[in-house]
Amino acid sequence: MKRSIIFTIILIFQSVVAVASDGKVAVCTACHGTDGNSVNPIWPNLAGQGAEYTYQQLAAFKSKARNNAIMWPIANSLSEKDMWEIADYYSKMPIKISSVAEINISGQKLYRGGNPEKGIPACMSCHGPNGAGNSPAKYPALRGQHAMYTASQLNNYKNGTRKHNMMNSISAMLSSNEINDLSEYISSLY
């Protein structure tokens, strides 16, 4: 049993080193950090994100289903194998959660319980109680994501520039204050 665990750890380490040394993630590091933890609050953390979700997003950038002038040329140059290797690499990197002085209580209530009066479901029903996401369902991890990035994405869903049927309809019901509260709370999840 111990040998198989050690062997698995060695294989994971070798694949991480191979992707990093291939330079496939080199261009990613400028915005997303060397370990997938972005220092700029407008760019997302990729560390700890499910590989399936990251692959899906790279494919969406490549096809322009998710239109982004910065990401399209990068994703467009990647093969399917490259996208899977990059996604797998970042899924194995630990996310760094910044400490938060105080938890946004309004955001917490909305994340955990939704708003039944407005028909808004609890965010945790898809993204999990601690924001770890649901990798098999391709629901992204949100924990520790920059509040500024999360707010921008919720606003993109709300105005339709980012497409996802469920997220578009939910975000359309959120006020600006609710988006800010949710985004602040999500940044505190770990």
C-alpha atoms as a PDB file:
ATOM      1  CA  MET A   1       0.000   0.000   0.000  1.00  0.00           C
ATOM      2  CA  LYS A   2       2.737   2.471   0.983  1.00  0.00           C
ATOM      3  CA  ARG A   3       4.674   1.655  -2.201  1.00  0.00           C
ATOM      4  CA  SER A   4       1.692   2.449  -4.418  1.00  0.00           C
ATOM      5  CA  ILE A   5       1.121   5.755  -2.626  1.00  0.00           C
ATOM      6  CA  ILE A   6       4.788   6.682  -2.963  1.00  0.00           C
ATOM      7  CA  PHE A   7       4.784   5.597  -6.625  1.00  0.00           C
ATOM      8  CA  THR A   8       1.670   7.727  -7.269  1.00  0.00           C
ATOM      9  CA  ILE A   9       3.279  10.751  -5.602  1.00  0.00           C
ATOM     10  CA  ILE A  10       6.417  10.291  -7.731  1.00  0.00           C
ATOM     11  CA  LEU A  11       4.319  10.092 -10.928  1.00  0.00           C
ATOM     12  CA  ILE A  12       2.399  13.243  -9.998  1.00  0.00           C
ATOM     13  CA  PHE A  13       5.636  15.077  -9.219  1.00  0.00           C
ATOM     14  CA  GLN A  14       7.164  13.957 -12.523  1.00  0.00           C
ATOM     15  CA  SER A  15       4.138  15.142 -14.510  1.00  0.00           C
ATOM     16  CA  VAL A  16       4.161  18.527 -12.731  1.00  0.00           C
ATOM     17  CA  VAL A  17       7.881  18.955 -13.393  1.00  0.00           C
ATOM     18  CA  ALA A  18       7.462  17.859 -17.031  1.00  0.00           C
ATOM     19  CA  VAL A  19       4.697  20.384 -17.757  1.00  0.00           C
ATOM     20  CA  ALA A  20       6.581  23.176 -15.982  1.00  0.00           C
ATOM     21  CA  SER A  21       9.880  22.357 -17.654  1.00  0.00           C
ATOM     22  CA  ASP A  22       8.209  22.065 -21.079  1.00  0.00           C
ATOM     23  CA  GLY A  23       7.402  25.733 -20.732  1.00  0.00           C
ATOM     24  CA  LYS A  24       3.700  25.084 -21.326  1.00  0.00           C
ATOM     25  CA  VAL A  25       2.800  27.051 -18.219  1.00  0.00           C
ATOM     26  CA  ALA A  26       5.464  29.722 -18.715  1.00  0.00           C
ATOM     27  CA  VAL A  27       3.123  32.118 -20.484  1.00  0.00           C
ATOM     28  CA  CYS A  28       0.435  31.468 -17.828  1.00  0.00           C
ATOM     29  CA  THR A  29       2.706  32.594 -14.994  1.00  0.00           C
ATOM     30  CA  ALA A  30       2.722  36.239 -16.069  1.00  0.00           C
ATOM     31  CA  CYS A  31      -0.902  36.626 -14.987  1.00  0.00           C
ATOM     32  CA  HIS A  32      -1.674  33.581 -12.859  1.00  0.00           C
ATOM     33  CA  GLY A  33       1.595  33.304 -10.901  1.00  0.00           C
ATOM     34  CA  THR A  34       4.249  30.602 -10.993  1.00  0.00           C
ATOM     35  CA  ASP A  35       2.140  28.368  -8.761  1.00  0.00           C
ATOM     36  CA  GLY A  36      -1.293  29.382 -10.059  1.00  0.00           C
ATOM     37  CA  ASN A  37      -1.883  31.991  -7.356  1.00  0.00           C
ATOM     38  CA  SER A  38      -2.349  35.336  -9.070  1.00  0.00           C
ATOM     39  CA  VAL A  39      -1.054  38.447  -7.331  1.00  0.00           C
ATOM     40  CA  ASN A  40      -3.310  40.718  -9.403  1.00  0.00           C
ATOM     41  CA  PRO A  41      -6.924  40.732  -8.123  1.00  0.00           C
ATOM     42  CA  ILE A  42      -8.388  41.048 -11.635  1.00  0.00           C
ATOM     43  CA  TRP A  43      -6.906  37.699 -12.741  1.00  0.00           C
ATOM     44  CA  PRO A  44      -8.092  34.388 -11.333  1.00  0.00           C
ATOM     45  CA  ASN A  45      -6.183  31.919  -9.232  1.00  0.00           C
ATOM     46  CA  LEU A  46      -5.808  28.638 -11.117  1.00  0.00           C
ATOM     47  CA  ALA A  47      -4.217  26.686  -8.262  1.00  0.00           C
ATOM     48  CA  GLY A  48      -6.429  23.917  -6.953  1.00  0.00           C
ATOM     49  CA  GLN A  49      -9.019  24.361  -9.691  1.00  0.00           C
ATOM     50  CA  GLY A  50     -10.452  21.110 -11.066  1.00  0.00           C
ATOM     51  CA  ALA A  51      -8.596  20.003 -14.192  1.00  0.00           C
ATOM     52  CA  GLU A  52     -11.853  19.407 -16.081  1.00  0.00           C
ATOM     53  CA  TYR A  53     -13.043  22.944 -15.424  1.00  0.00           C
ATOM     54  CA  THR A  54      -9.717  24.551 -16.404  1.00  0.00           C
ATOM     55  CA  TYR A  55      -9.588  22.469 -19.574  1.00  0.00           C
ATOM     56  CA  GLN A  56     -13.183  23.469 -20.370  1.00  0.00           C
ATOM     57  CA  GLN A  57     -12.326  27.153 -19.952  1.00  0.00           C
ATOM     58  CA  LEU A  58      -9.195  26.909 -22.126  1.00  0.00           C
ATOM     59  CA  ALA A  59     -11.287  25.202 -24.813  1.00  0.00           C
ATOM     60  CA  ALA A  60     -13.916  27.957 -24.511  1.00  0.00           C
ATOM     61  CA  PHE A  61     -11.238  30.642 -24.935  1.00  0.00           C
ATOM     62  CA  LYS A  62      -9.810  28.771 -27.939  1.00  0.00           C
ATOM     63  CA  SER A  63     -13.210  28.489 -29.655  1.00  0.00           C
ATOM     64  CA  LYS A  64     -14.104  32.063 -28.638  1.00  0.00           C
ATOM     65  CA  ALA A  65     -17.194  30.756 -26.834  1.00  0.00           C
ATOM     66  CA  ARG A  66     -15.616  32.695 -23.984  1.00  0.00           C
ATOM     67  CA  ASN A  67     -14.317  35.792 -25.732  1.00  0.00           C
ATOM     68  CA  ASN A  68     -11.184  37.334 -24.245  1.00  0.00           C
ATOM     69  CA  ALA A  69      -8.576  39.233 -26.250  1.00  0.00           C
ATOM     70  CA  ILE A  70      -5.746  38.193 -23.921  1.00  0.00           C
ATOM     71  CA  MET A  71      -6.665  34.526 -23.526  1.00  0.00           C
ATOM     72  CA  TRP A  72      -7.678  33.723 -27.103  1.00  0.00           C
ATOM     73  CA  PRO A  73      -4.200  33.884 -28.707  1.00  0.00           C
ATOM     74  CA  ILE A  74      -2.730  31.880 -25.831  1.00  0.00           C
ATOM     75  CA  ALA A  75      -5.410  29.183 -25.864  1.00  0.00           C
ATOM     76  CA  ASN A  76      -5.491  29.131 -29.662  1.00  0.00           C
ATOM     77  CA  SER A  77      -1.840  28.052 -29.748  1.00  0.00           C
ATOM     78  CA  LEU A  78      -2.452  25.060 -27.449  1.00  0.00           C
ATOM     79  CA  SER A  79      -3.214  21.514 -28.514  1.00  0.00           C
ATOM     80  CA  GLU A  80      -5.852  19.506 -26.694  1.00  0.00           C
ATOM     81  CA  LYS A  81      -3.049  17.581 -24.966  1.00  0.00           C
ATOM     82  CA  ASP A  82      -1.388  20.863 -23.900  1.00  0.00           C
ATOM     83  CA  MET A  83      -4.647  22.137 -22.421  1.00  0.00           C
ATOM     84  CA  TRP A  84      -5.128  18.927 -20.416  1.00  0.00           C
ATOM     85  CA  GLU A  85      -1.538  19.000 -19.165  1.00  0.00           C
ATOM     86  CA  ILE A  86      -1.795  22.645 -18.091  1.00  0.00           C
ATOM     87  CA  ALA A  87      -5.153  22.011 -16.415  1.00  0.00           C
ATOM     88  CA  ASP A  88      -3.755  18.976 -14.611  1.00  0.00           C
ATOM     89  CA  TYR A  89      -0.657  20.916 -13.532  1.00  0.00           C
ATOM     90  CA  TYR A  90      -2.669  23.702 -11.904  1.00  0.00           C
ATOM     91  CA  SER A  91      -5.115  21.271 -10.286  1.00  0.00           C
ATOM     92  CA  LYS A  92      -2.201  19.916  -8.250  1.00  0.00           C
ATOM     93  CA  MET A  93      -0.960  23.301  -7.048  1.00  0.00           C
ATOM     94  CA  PRO A  94      -2.142  24.379  -3.576  1.00  0.00           C
ATOM     95  CA  ILE A  95      -4.256  27.511  -3.436  1.00  0.00           C
ATOM     96  CA  LYS A  96      -3.089  30.230  -1.094  1.00  0.00           C
ATOM     97  CA  ILE A  97      -5.941  31.755   0.855  1.00  0.00           C
ATOM     98  CA  SER A  98      -5.435  35.283   2.135  1.00  0.00           C
ATOM     99  CA  SER A  99      -6.689  35.937   5.607  1.00  0.00           C
ATOM    100  CA  VAL A 100      -9.718  38.186   5.827  1.00  0.00           C
ATOM    101  CA  ALA A 101     -10.232  40.623   8.709  1.00  0.00           C
ATOM    102  CA  GLU A 102     -13.945  39.906   8.940  1.00  0.00           C
ATOM    103  CA  ILE A 103     -16.427  37.736   7.101  1.00  0.00           C
ATOM    104  CA  ASN A 104     -19.061  39.454   4.990  1.00  0.00           C
ATOM    105  CA  ILE A 105     -22.214  38.224   6.767  1.00  0.00           C
ATOM    106  CA  SER A 106     -24.615  39.257   3.962  1.00  0.00           C
ATOM    107  CA  GLY A 107     -22.473  37.390   1.440  1.00  0.00           C
ATOM    108  CA  GLN A 108     -22.291  34.381   3.744  1.00  0.00           C
ATOM    109  CA  LYS A 109     -26.090  34.225   4.061  1.00  0.00           C
ATOM    110  CA  LEU A 110     -26.549  34.446   0.299  1.00  0.00           C
ATOM    111  CA  TYR A 111     -23.807  31.897  -0.429  1.00  0.00           C
ATOM    112  CA  ARG A 112     -25.124  29.400   2.126  1.00  0.00           C
ATOM    113  CA  GLY A 113     -28.882  29.948   1.905  1.00  0.00           C
ATOM    114  CA  GLY A 114     -29.586  31.845  -1.303  1.00  0.00           C
ATOM    115  CA  ASN A 115     -32.545  34.212  -1.387  1.00  0.00           C
ATOM    116  CA  PRO A 116     -35.793  32.231  -1.719  1.00  0.00           C
ATOM    117  CA  GLU A 117     -37.870  35.414  -2.119  1.00  0.00           C
ATOM    118  CA  LYS A 118     -35.958  36.309  -5.287  1.00  0.00           C
ATOM    119  CA  GLY A 119     -35.552  32.701  -6.441  1.00  0.00           C
ATOM    120  CA  ILE A 120     -31.778  32.736  -5.948  1.00  0.00           C
ATOM    121  CA  PRO A 121     -30.393  29.315  -4.981  1.00  0.00           C
ATOM    122  CA  ALA A 122     -27.599  28.860  -2.461  1.00  0.00           C
ATOM    123  CA  CYS A 123     -24.218  29.081  -4.198  1.00  0.00           C
ATOM    124  CA  MET A 124     -22.960  26.231  -2.039  1.00  0.00           C
ATOM    125  CA  SER A 125     -25.427  23.839  -3.650  1.00  0.00           C
ATOM    126  CA  CYS A 126     -23.121  23.719  -6.701  1.00  0.00           C
ATOM    127  CA  HIS A 127     -19.828  25.127  -5.427  1.00  0.00           C
ATOM    128  CA  GLY A 128     -19.795  23.350  -2.050  1.00  0.00           C
ATOM    129  CA  PRO A 129     -19.957  24.614   1.533  1.00  0.00           C
ATOM    130  CA  ASN A 130     -16.286  25.618   1.515  1.00  0.00           C
ATOM    131  CA  GLY A 131     -16.169  26.678  -2.136  1.00  0.00           C
ATOM    132  CA  ALA A 132     -14.176  23.629  -3.286  1.00  0.00           C
ATOM    133  CA  GLY A 133     -16.473  23.181  -6.284  1.00  0.00           C
ATOM    134  CA  ASN A 134     -17.590  19.901  -7.802  1.00  0.00           C
ATOM    135  CA  SER A 135     -14.940  18.689 -10.216  1.00  0.00           C
ATOM    136  CA  PRO A 136     -16.917  15.781 -11.765  1.00  0.00           C
ATOM    137  CA  ALA A 137     -19.818  18.140 -12.493  1.00  0.00           C
ATOM    138  CA  LYS A 138     -17.302  20.747 -13.770  1.00  0.00           C
ATOM    139  CA  TYR A 139     -18.475  23.324 -11.220  1.00  0.00           C
ATOM    140  CA  PRO A 140     -15.447  25.467 -10.395  1.00  0.00           C
ATOM    141  CA  ALA A 141     -13.774  25.908  -7.060  1.00  0.00           C
ATOM    142  CA  LEU A 142     -14.397  29.442  -5.828  1.00  0.00           C
ATOM    143  CA  ARG A 143     -12.572  29.401  -2.485  1.00  0.00           C
ATOM    144  CA  GLY A 144      -9.894  32.008  -2.113  1.00  0.00           C
ATOM    145  CA  GLN A 145     -10.660  33.587  -5.472  1.00  0.00           C
ATOM    146  CA  HIS A 146     -10.003  37.326  -5.597  1.00  0.00           C
ATOM    147  CA  ALA A 147     -13.155  39.306  -4.777  1.00  0.00           C
ATOM    148  CA  MET A 148     -12.506  41.686  -7.669  1.00  0.00           C
ATOM    149  CA  TYR A 149     -12.239  38.808 -10.173  1.00  0.00           C
ATOM    150  CA  THR A 150     -15.351  37.055  -8.814  1.00  0.00           C
ATOM    151  CA  ALA A 151     -17.372  40.282  -8.976  1.00  0.00           C
ATOM    152  CA  SER A 152     -16.269  40.897 -12.573  1.00  0.00           C
ATOM    153  CA  GLN A 153     -17.315  37.374 -13.591  1.00  0.00           C
ATOM    154  CA  LEU A 154     -20.693  37.632 -11.859  1.00  0.00           C
ATOM    155  CA  ASN A 155     -21.238  40.948 -13.659  1.00  0.00           C
ATOM    156  CA  ASN A 156     -20.187  39.325 -16.966  1.00  0.00           C
ATOM    157  CA  TYR A 157     -22.774  36.594 -16.398  1.00  0.00           C
ATOM    158  CA  LYS A 158     -25.346  39.221 -15.453  1.00  0.00           C
ATOM    159  CA  ASN A 159     -24.811  41.297 -18.599  1.00  0.00           C
ATOM    160  CA  GLY A 160     -24.480  38.228 -20.823  1.00  0.00           C
ATOM    161  CA  THR A 161     -20.876  38.718 -21.960  1.00  0.00           C
ATOM    162  CA  ARG A 162     -20.059  35.398 -20.303  1.00  0.00           C
ATOM    163  CA  LYS A 163     -22.448  32.591 -21.188  1.00  0.00           C
ATOM    164  CA  HIS A 164     -23.747  29.856 -18.909  1.00  0.00           C
ATOM    165  CA  ASN A 165     -27.516  29.342 -18.732  1.00  0.00           C
ATOM    166  CA  MET A 166     -27.696  28.763 -14.985  1.00  0.00           C
ATOM    167  CA  MET A 167     -25.196  31.479 -14.035  1.00  0.00           C
ATOM    168  CA  ASN A 168     -26.748  34.005 -16.426  1.00  0.00           C
ATOM    169  CA  SER A 169     -30.206  33.554 -14.887  1.00  0.00           C
ATOM    170  CA  ILE A 170     -28.935  33.576 -11.288  1.00  0.00           C
ATOM    171  CA  SER A 171     -26.673  36.594 -11.777  1.00  0.00           C
ATOM    172  CA  ALA A 172     -29.478  38.534 -13.447  1.00  0.00           C
ATOM    173  CA  MET A 173     -31.335  38.422 -10.116  1.00  0.00           C
ATOM    174  CA  LEU A 174     -28.377  39.715  -8.074  1.00  0.00           C
ATOM    175  CA  SER A 175     -28.067  43.382  -7.147  1.00  0.00           C
ATOM    176  CA  SER A 176     -24.695  45.133  -7.307  1.00  0.00           C
ATOM    177  CA  ASN A 177     -24.496  45.013  -3.512  1.00  0.00           C
ATOM    178  CA  GLU A 178     -25.246  41.276  -3.494  1.00  0.00           C
ATOM    179  CA  ILE A 179     -22.521  40.668  -6.092  1.00  0.00           C
ATOM    180  CA  ASN A 180     -20.016  42.599  -3.976  1.00  0.00           C
ATOM    181  CA  ASP A 181     -21.074  40.844  -0.756  1.00  0.00           C
ATOM    182  CA  LEU A 182     -20.877  37.402  -2.375  1.00  0.00           C
ATOM    183  CA  SER A 183     -17.498  38.154  -3.931  1.00  0.00           C
ATOM    184  CA  GLU A 184     -16.053  39.306  -0.606  1.00  0.00           C
ATOM    185  CA  TYR A 185     -17.399  36.250   1.180  1.00  0.00           C
ATOM    186  CA  ILE A 186     -16.106  33.838  -1.496  1.00  0.00           C
ATOM    187  CA  SER A 187     -12.605  35.306  -1.130  1.00  0.00           C
ATOM    188  CA  SER A 188     -12.668  34.268   2.533  1.00  0.00           C
ATOM    189  CA  LEU A 189     -13.570  30.612   1.886  1.00  0.00           C
ATOM    190  CA  TYR A 190     -10.858  28.016   2.411  1.00  0.00           C
END
